[in-house]
Amino acid sequence: MNKYSRHLRLFLVNEDGVTAMEYALLGALIAVVIIASVTGVGLNVQALFLNVADQVEAVAADVL
């Protein structure tokens, strides 16, 4: 019985699984931050290109 209680105590004290879970959560959080920032930058770049396209179209209409 002493052997089993020792193994149970070692299992409960072992933190390898907890560390892996922490790394997984940290990786997921980093992925969410990257996706949010890329989406925000992408929308700003899209608005910039639409603005430039409108200005070029306006200048081309004046020339023609």
PDB file of N, CA and C in Angstrom:
ATOM      1  N   MET A   1       0.824  -1.199   0.000  1.00  0.00           N
ATOM      2  CA  MET A   1       0.000   0.000   0.000  1.00  0.00           C
ATOM      3  C   MET A   1       0.867   1.261   0.000  1.00  0.00           C
ATOM      4  N   ASN A   2       1.984   1.206   0.660  1.00  0.00           N
ATOM      5  CA  ASN A   2       2.890   2.344   0.732  1.00  0.00           C
ATOM      6  C   ASN A   2       3.373   2.731  -0.662  1.00  0.00           C
ATOM      7  N   LYS A   3       3.592   1.731  -1.507  1.00  0.00           N
ATOM      8  CA  LYS A   3       4.053   1.970  -2.877  1.00  0.00           C
ATOM      9  C   LYS A   3       3.010   2.771  -3.660  1.00  0.00           C
ATOM     10  N   TYR A   4       1.741   2.429  -3.500  1.00  0.00           N
ATOM     11  CA  TYR A   4       0.677   3.116  -4.232  1.00  0.00           C
ATOM     12  C   TYR A   4       0.476   4.548  -3.730  1.00  0.00           C
ATOM     13  N   SER A   5       0.570   4.720  -2.437  1.00  0.00           N
ATOM     14  CA  SER A   5       0.409   6.070  -1.896  1.00  0.00           C
ATOM     15  C   SER A   5       1.564   6.966  -2.340  1.00  0.00           C
ATOM     16  N   ARG A   6       2.763   6.380  -2.444  1.00  0.00           N
ATOM     17  CA  ARG A   6       3.909   7.166  -2.917  1.00  0.00           C
ATOM     18  C   ARG A   6       3.719   7.587  -4.366  1.00  0.00           C
ATOM     19  N   HIS A   7       3.232   6.672  -5.206  1.00  0.00           N
ATOM     20  CA  HIS A   7       2.975   6.997  -6.612  1.00  0.00           C
ATOM     21  C   HIS A   7       1.858   8.036  -6.748  1.00  0.00           C
ATOM     22  N   LEU A   8       0.834   7.912  -5.933  1.00  0.00           N
ATOM     23  CA  LEU A   8      -0.255   8.886  -5.962  1.00  0.00           C
ATOM     24  C   LEU A   8       0.249  10.263  -5.556  1.00  0.00           C
ATOM     25  N   ARG A   9       1.081  10.324  -4.531  1.00  0.00           N
ATOM     26  CA  ARG A   9       1.625  11.600  -4.083  1.00  0.00           C
ATOM     27  C   ARG A   9       2.520  12.211  -5.162  1.00  0.00           C
ATOM     28  N   LEU A  10       3.346  11.397  -5.813  1.00  0.00           N
ATOM     29  CA  LEU A  10       4.204  11.895  -6.890  1.00  0.00           C
ATOM     30  C   LEU A  10       3.366  12.398  -8.069  1.00  0.00           C
ATOM     31  N   PHE A  11       2.277  11.699  -8.359  1.00  0.00           N
ATOM     32  CA  PHE A  11       1.396  12.122  -9.447  1.00  0.00           C
ATOM     33  C   PHE A  11       0.760  13.475  -9.136  1.00  0.00           C
ATOM     34  N   LEU A  12       0.314  13.662  -7.919  1.00  0.00           N
ATOM     35  CA  LEU A  12      -0.339  14.918  -7.540  1.00  0.00           C
ATOM     36  C   LEU A  12       0.637  16.080  -7.462  1.00  0.00           C
ATOM     37  N   VAL A  13       1.886  15.804  -7.132  1.00  0.00           N
ATOM     38  CA  VAL A  13       2.901  16.852  -7.015  1.00  0.00           C
ATOM     39  C   VAL A  13       3.462  17.228  -8.386  1.00  0.00           C
ATOM     40  N   ASN A  14       3.441  16.308  -9.331  1.00  0.00           N
ATOM     41  CA  ASN A  14       4.011  16.529 -10.662  1.00  0.00           C
ATOM     42  C   ASN A  14       3.255  17.656 -11.365  1.00  0.00           C
ATOM     43  N   GLU A  15       3.979  18.641 -11.873  1.00  0.00           N
ATOM     44  CA  GLU A  15       3.360  19.804 -12.511  1.00  0.00           C
ATOM     45  C   GLU A  15       3.654  19.879 -14.003  1.00  0.00           C
ATOM     46  N   ASP A  16       4.127  18.813 -14.621  1.00  0.00           N
ATOM     47  CA  ASP A  16       4.432  18.832 -16.049  1.00  0.00           C
ATOM     48  C   ASP A  16       3.186  19.095 -16.886  1.00  0.00           C
ATOM     49  N   GLY A  17       2.088  18.471 -16.556  1.00  0.00           N
ATOM     50  CA  GLY A  17       0.845  18.680 -17.300  1.00  0.00           C
ATOM     51  C   GLY A  17       0.340  20.105 -17.158  1.00  0.00           C
ATOM     52  N   VAL A  18       0.476  20.666 -15.991  1.00  0.00           N
ATOM     53  CA  VAL A  18       0.037  22.046 -15.759  1.00  0.00           C
ATOM     54  C   VAL A  18       0.882  23.004 -16.590  1.00  0.00           C
ATOM     55  N   THR A  19       2.161  22.759 -16.673  1.00  0.00           N
ATOM     56  CA  THR A  19       3.034  23.625 -17.451  1.00  0.00           C
ATOM     57  C   THR A  19       2.664  23.570 -18.929  1.00  0.00           C
ATOM     58  N   ALA A  20       2.373  22.377 -19.437  1.00  0.00           N
ATOM     59  CA  ALA A  20       1.971  22.248 -20.835  1.00  0.00           C
ATOM     60  C   ALA A  20       0.661  22.997 -21.081  1.00  0.00           C
ATOM     61  N   MET A  21      -0.257  22.917 -20.154  1.00  0.00           N
ATOM     62  CA  MET A  21      -1.532  23.619 -20.294  1.00  0.00           C
ATOM     63  C   MET A  21      -1.313  25.134 -20.279  1.00  0.00           C
ATOM     64  N   GLU A  22      -0.424  25.600 -19.440  1.00  0.00           N
ATOM     65  CA  GLU A  22      -0.133  27.037 -19.401  1.00  0.00           C
ATOM     66  C   GLU A  22       0.458  27.509 -20.725  1.00  0.00           C
ATOM     67  N   TYR A  23       1.359  26.719 -21.298  1.00  0.00           N
ATOM     68  CA  TYR A  23       1.931  27.082 -22.593  1.00  0.00           C
ATOM     69  C   TYR A  23       0.856  27.083 -23.681  1.00  0.00           C
ATOM     70  N   ALA A  24      -0.059  26.140 -23.631  1.00  0.00           N
ATOM     71  CA  ALA A  24      -1.140  26.084 -24.619  1.00  0.00           C
ATOM     72  C   ALA A  24      -2.036  27.315 -24.502  1.00  0.00           C
ATOM     73  N   LEU A  25      -2.382  27.699 -23.293  1.00  0.00           N
ATOM     74  CA  LEU A  25      -3.210  28.893 -23.095  1.00  0.00           C
ATOM     75  C   LEU A  25      -2.473  30.159 -23.533  1.00  0.00           C
ATOM     76  N   LEU A  26      -1.205  30.228 -23.236  1.00  0.00           N
ATOM     77  CA  LEU A  26      -0.410  31.388 -23.641  1.00  0.00           C
ATOM     78  C   LEU A  26      -0.330  31.471 -25.164  1.00  0.00           C
ATOM     79  N   GLY A  27      -0.124  30.330 -25.816  1.00  0.00           N
ATOM     80  CA  GLY A  27      -0.090  30.307 -27.276  1.00  0.00           C
ATOM     81  C   GLY A  27      -1.410  30.720 -27.890  1.00  0.00           C
ATOM     82  N   ALA A  28      -2.513  30.265 -27.303  1.00  0.00           N
ATOM     83  CA  ALA A  28      -3.830  30.653 -27.800  1.00  0.00           C
ATOM     84  C   ALA A  28      -4.062  32.152 -27.626  1.00  0.00           C
ATOM     85  N   LEU A  29      -3.645  32.697 -26.505  1.00  0.00           N
ATOM     86  CA  LEU A  29      -3.801  34.136 -26.263  1.00  0.00           C
ATOM     87  C   LEU A  29      -2.971  34.945 -27.258  1.00  0.00           C
ATOM     88  N   ILE A  30      -1.762  34.513 -27.518  1.00  0.00           N
ATOM     89  CA  ILE A  30      -0.926  35.203 -28.496  1.00  0.00           C
ATOM     90  C   ILE A  30      -1.554  35.145 -29.879  1.00  0.00           C
ATOM     91  N   ALA A  31      -2.125  33.994 -30.242  1.00  0.00           N
ATOM     92  CA  ALA A  31      -2.773  33.856 -31.547  1.00  0.00           C
ATOM     93  C   ALA A  31      -3.966  34.800 -31.664  1.00  0.00           C
ATOM     94  N   VAL A  32      -4.748  34.941 -30.610  1.00  0.00           N
ATOM     95  CA  VAL A  32      -5.900  35.846 -30.636  1.00  0.00           C
ATOM     96  C   VAL A  32      -5.439  37.291 -30.799  1.00  0.00           C
ATOM     97  N   VAL A  33      -4.388  37.677 -30.115  1.00  0.00           N
ATOM     98  CA  VAL A  33      -3.865  39.051 -30.225  1.00  0.00           C
ATOM     99  C   VAL A  33      -3.347  39.303 -31.640  1.00  0.00           C
ATOM    100  N   ILE A  34      -2.648  38.340 -32.211  1.00  0.00           N
ATOM    101  CA  ILE A  34      -2.131  38.506 -33.577  1.00  0.00           C
ATOM    102  C   ILE A  34      -3.276  38.632 -34.568  1.00  0.00           C
ATOM    103  N   ILE A  35      -4.280  37.787 -34.451  1.00  0.00           N
ATOM    104  CA  ILE A  35      -5.418  37.842 -35.373  1.00  0.00           C
ATOM    105  C   ILE A  35      -6.141  39.183 -35.256  1.00  0.00           C
ATOM    106  N   ALA A  36      -6.346  39.652 -34.041  1.00  0.00           N
ATOM    107  CA  ALA A  36      -7.037  40.931 -33.848  1.00  0.00           C
ATOM    108  C   ALA A  36      -6.225  42.089 -34.424  1.00  0.00           C
ATOM    109  N   SER A  37      -4.924  42.083 -34.211  1.00  0.00           N
ATOM    110  CA  SER A  37      -4.114  43.197 -34.719  1.00  0.00           C
ATOM    111  C   SER A  37      -4.006  43.156 -36.241  1.00  0.00           C
ATOM    112  N   VAL A  38      -3.864  41.976 -36.821  1.00  0.00           N
ATOM    113  CA  VAL A  38      -3.785  41.879 -38.278  1.00  0.00           C
ATOM    114  C   VAL A  38      -5.112  42.299 -38.908  1.00  0.00           C
ATOM    115  N   THR A  39      -6.216  41.935 -38.296  1.00  0.00           N
ATOM    116  CA  THR A  39      -7.527  42.348 -38.811  1.00  0.00           C
ATOM    117  C   THR A  39      -7.665  43.867 -38.756  1.00  0.00           C
ATOM    118  N   GLY A  40      -7.257  44.461 -37.651  1.00  0.00           N
ATOM    119  CA  GLY A  40      -7.337  45.918 -37.530  1.00  0.00           C
ATOM    120  C   GLY A  40      -6.460  46.631 -38.541  1.00  0.00           C
ATOM    121  N   VAL A  41      -5.256  46.171 -38.709  1.00  0.00           N
ATOM    122  CA  VAL A  41      -4.346  46.786 -39.679  1.00  0.00           C
ATOM    123  C   VAL A  41      -4.869  46.570 -41.093  1.00  0.00           C
ATOM    124  N   GLY A  42      -5.408  45.386 -41.362  1.00  0.00           N
ATOM    125  CA  GLY A  42      -5.948  45.088 -42.686  1.00  0.00           C
ATOM    126  C   GLY A  42      -7.094  46.013 -43.053  1.00  0.00           C
ATOM    127  N   LEU A  43      -7.958  46.296 -42.103  1.00  0.00           N
ATOM    128  CA  LEU A  43      -9.074  47.211 -42.371  1.00  0.00           C
ATOM    129  C   LEU A  43      -8.566  48.625 -42.640  1.00  0.00           C
ATOM    130  N   ASN A  44      -7.550  49.063 -41.903  1.00  0.00           N
ATOM    131  CA  ASN A  44      -6.984  50.392 -42.134  1.00  0.00           C
ATOM    132  C   ASN A  44      -6.317  50.476 -43.500  1.00  0.00           C
ATOM    133  N   VAL A  45      -5.606  49.436 -43.895  1.00  0.00           N
ATOM    134  CA  VAL A  45      -4.954  49.425 -45.206  1.00  0.00           C
ATOM    135  C   VAL A  45      -5.997  49.417 -46.311  1.00  0.00           C
ATOM    136  N   GLN A  46      -7.073  48.668 -46.126  1.00  0.00           N
ATOM    137  CA  GLN A  46      -8.144  48.637 -47.121  1.00  0.00           C
ATOM    138  C   GLN A  46      -8.760  50.027 -47.286  1.00  0.00           C
ATOM    139  N   ALA A  47      -9.008  50.710 -46.180  1.00  0.00           N
ATOM    140  CA  ALA A  47      -9.561  52.061 -46.252  1.00  0.00           C
ATOM    141  C   ALA A  47      -8.596  53.007 -46.956  1.00  0.00           C
ATOM    142  N   LEU A  48      -7.310  52.872 -46.706  1.00  0.00           N
ATOM    143  CA  LEU A  48      -6.307  53.707 -47.353  1.00  0.00           C
ATOM    144  C   LEU A  48      -6.318  53.487 -48.866  1.00  0.00           C
ATOM    145  N   PHE A  49      -6.331  52.228 -49.302  1.00  0.00           N
ATOM    146  CA  PHE A  49      -6.341  51.944 -50.738  1.00  0.00           C
ATOM    147  C   PHE A  49      -7.630  52.422 -51.403  1.00  0.00           C
ATOM    148  N   LEU A  50      -8.760  52.292 -50.709  1.00  0.00           N
ATOM    149  CA  LEU A  50     -10.016  52.803 -51.279  1.00  0.00           C
ATOM    150  C   LEU A  50      -9.963  54.318 -51.429  1.00  0.00           C
ATOM    151  N   ASN A  51      -9.363  55.012 -50.462  1.00  0.00           N
ATOM    152  CA  ASN A  51      -9.221  56.462 -50.529  1.00  0.00           C
ATOM    153  C   ASN A  51      -8.334  56.857 -51.711  1.00  0.00           C
ATOM    154  N   VAL A  52      -7.212  56.154 -51.870  1.00  0.00           N
ATOM    155  CA  VAL A  52      -6.312  56.451 -52.988  1.00  0.00           C
ATOM    156  C   VAL A  52      -7.010  56.175 -54.317  1.00  0.00           C
ATOM    157  N   ALA A  53      -7.746  55.070 -54.402  1.00  0.00           N
ATOM    158  CA  ALA A  53      -8.452  54.736 -55.637  1.00  0.00           C
ATOM    159  C   ALA A  53      -9.486  55.801 -55.985  1.00  0.00           C
ATOM    160  N   ASP A  54     -10.199  56.301 -54.984  1.00  0.00           N
ATOM    161  CA  ASP A  54     -11.182  57.360 -55.231  1.00  0.00           C
ATOM    162  C   ASP A  54     -10.502  58.640 -55.725  1.00  0.00           C
ATOM    163  N   GLN A  55      -9.370  58.983 -55.125  1.00  0.00           N
ATOM    164  CA  GLN A  55      -8.663  60.188 -55.550  1.00  0.00           C
ATOM    165  C   GLN A  55      -8.117  60.048 -56.967  1.00  0.00           C
ATOM    166  N   VAL A  56      -7.592  58.881 -57.296  1.00  0.00           N
ATOM    167  CA  VAL A  56      -7.084  58.661 -58.653  1.00  0.00           C
ATOM    168  C   VAL A  56      -8.227  58.711 -59.650  1.00  0.00           C
ATOM    169  N   GLU A  57      -9.367  58.144 -59.283  1.00  0.00           N
ATOM    170  CA  GLU A  57     -10.523  58.165 -60.164  1.00  0.00           C
ATOM    171  C   GLU A  57     -11.010  59.619 -60.378  1.00  0.00           C
ATOM    172  N   ALA A  58     -10.993  60.430 -59.331  1.00  0.00           N
ATOM    173  CA  ALA A  58     -11.425  61.814 -59.441  1.00  0.00           C
ATOM    174  C   ALA A  58     -10.477  62.602 -60.346  1.00  0.00           C
ATOM    175  N   VAL A  59      -9.179  62.388 -60.212  1.00  0.00           N
ATOM    176  CA  VAL A  59      -8.204  63.083 -61.043  1.00  0.00           C
ATOM    177  C   VAL A  59      -8.331  62.630 -62.497  1.00  0.00           C
ATOM    178  N   ALA A  60      -8.524  61.351 -62.699  1.00  0.00           N
ATOM    179  CA  ALA A  60      -8.677  60.831 -64.065  1.00  0.00           C
ATOM    180  C   ALA A  60      -9.949  61.369 -64.705  1.00  0.00           C
ATOM    181  N   ALA A  61     -10.994  61.549 -63.960  1.00  0.00           N
ATOM    182  CA  ALA A  61     -12.236  62.107 -64.501  1.00  0.00           C
ATOM    183  C   ALA A  61     -12.050  63.574 -64.897  1.00  0.00           C
ATOM    184  N   ASP A  62     -11.251  64.318 -64.106  1.00  0.00           N
ATOM    185  CA  ASP A  62     -10.978  65.718 -64.435  1.00  0.00           C
ATOM    186  C   ASP A  62     -10.119  65.848 -65.689  1.00  0.00           C
ATOM    187  N   VAL A  63      -9.183  64.938 -65.869  1.00  0.00           N
ATOM    188  CA  VAL A  63      -8.269  64.997 -67.009  1.00  0.00           C
ATOM    189  C   VAL A  63      -9.024  64.656 -68.291  1.00  0.00           C
ATOM    190  N   LEU A  64      -9.876  63.641 -68.188  1.00  0.00           N
ATOM    191  CA  LEU A  64     -10.609  63.221 -69.401  1.00  0.00           C
ATOM    192  C   LEU A  64     -11.804  64.103 -69.540  1.00  0.00           C
TER     193      LEU A  64
END
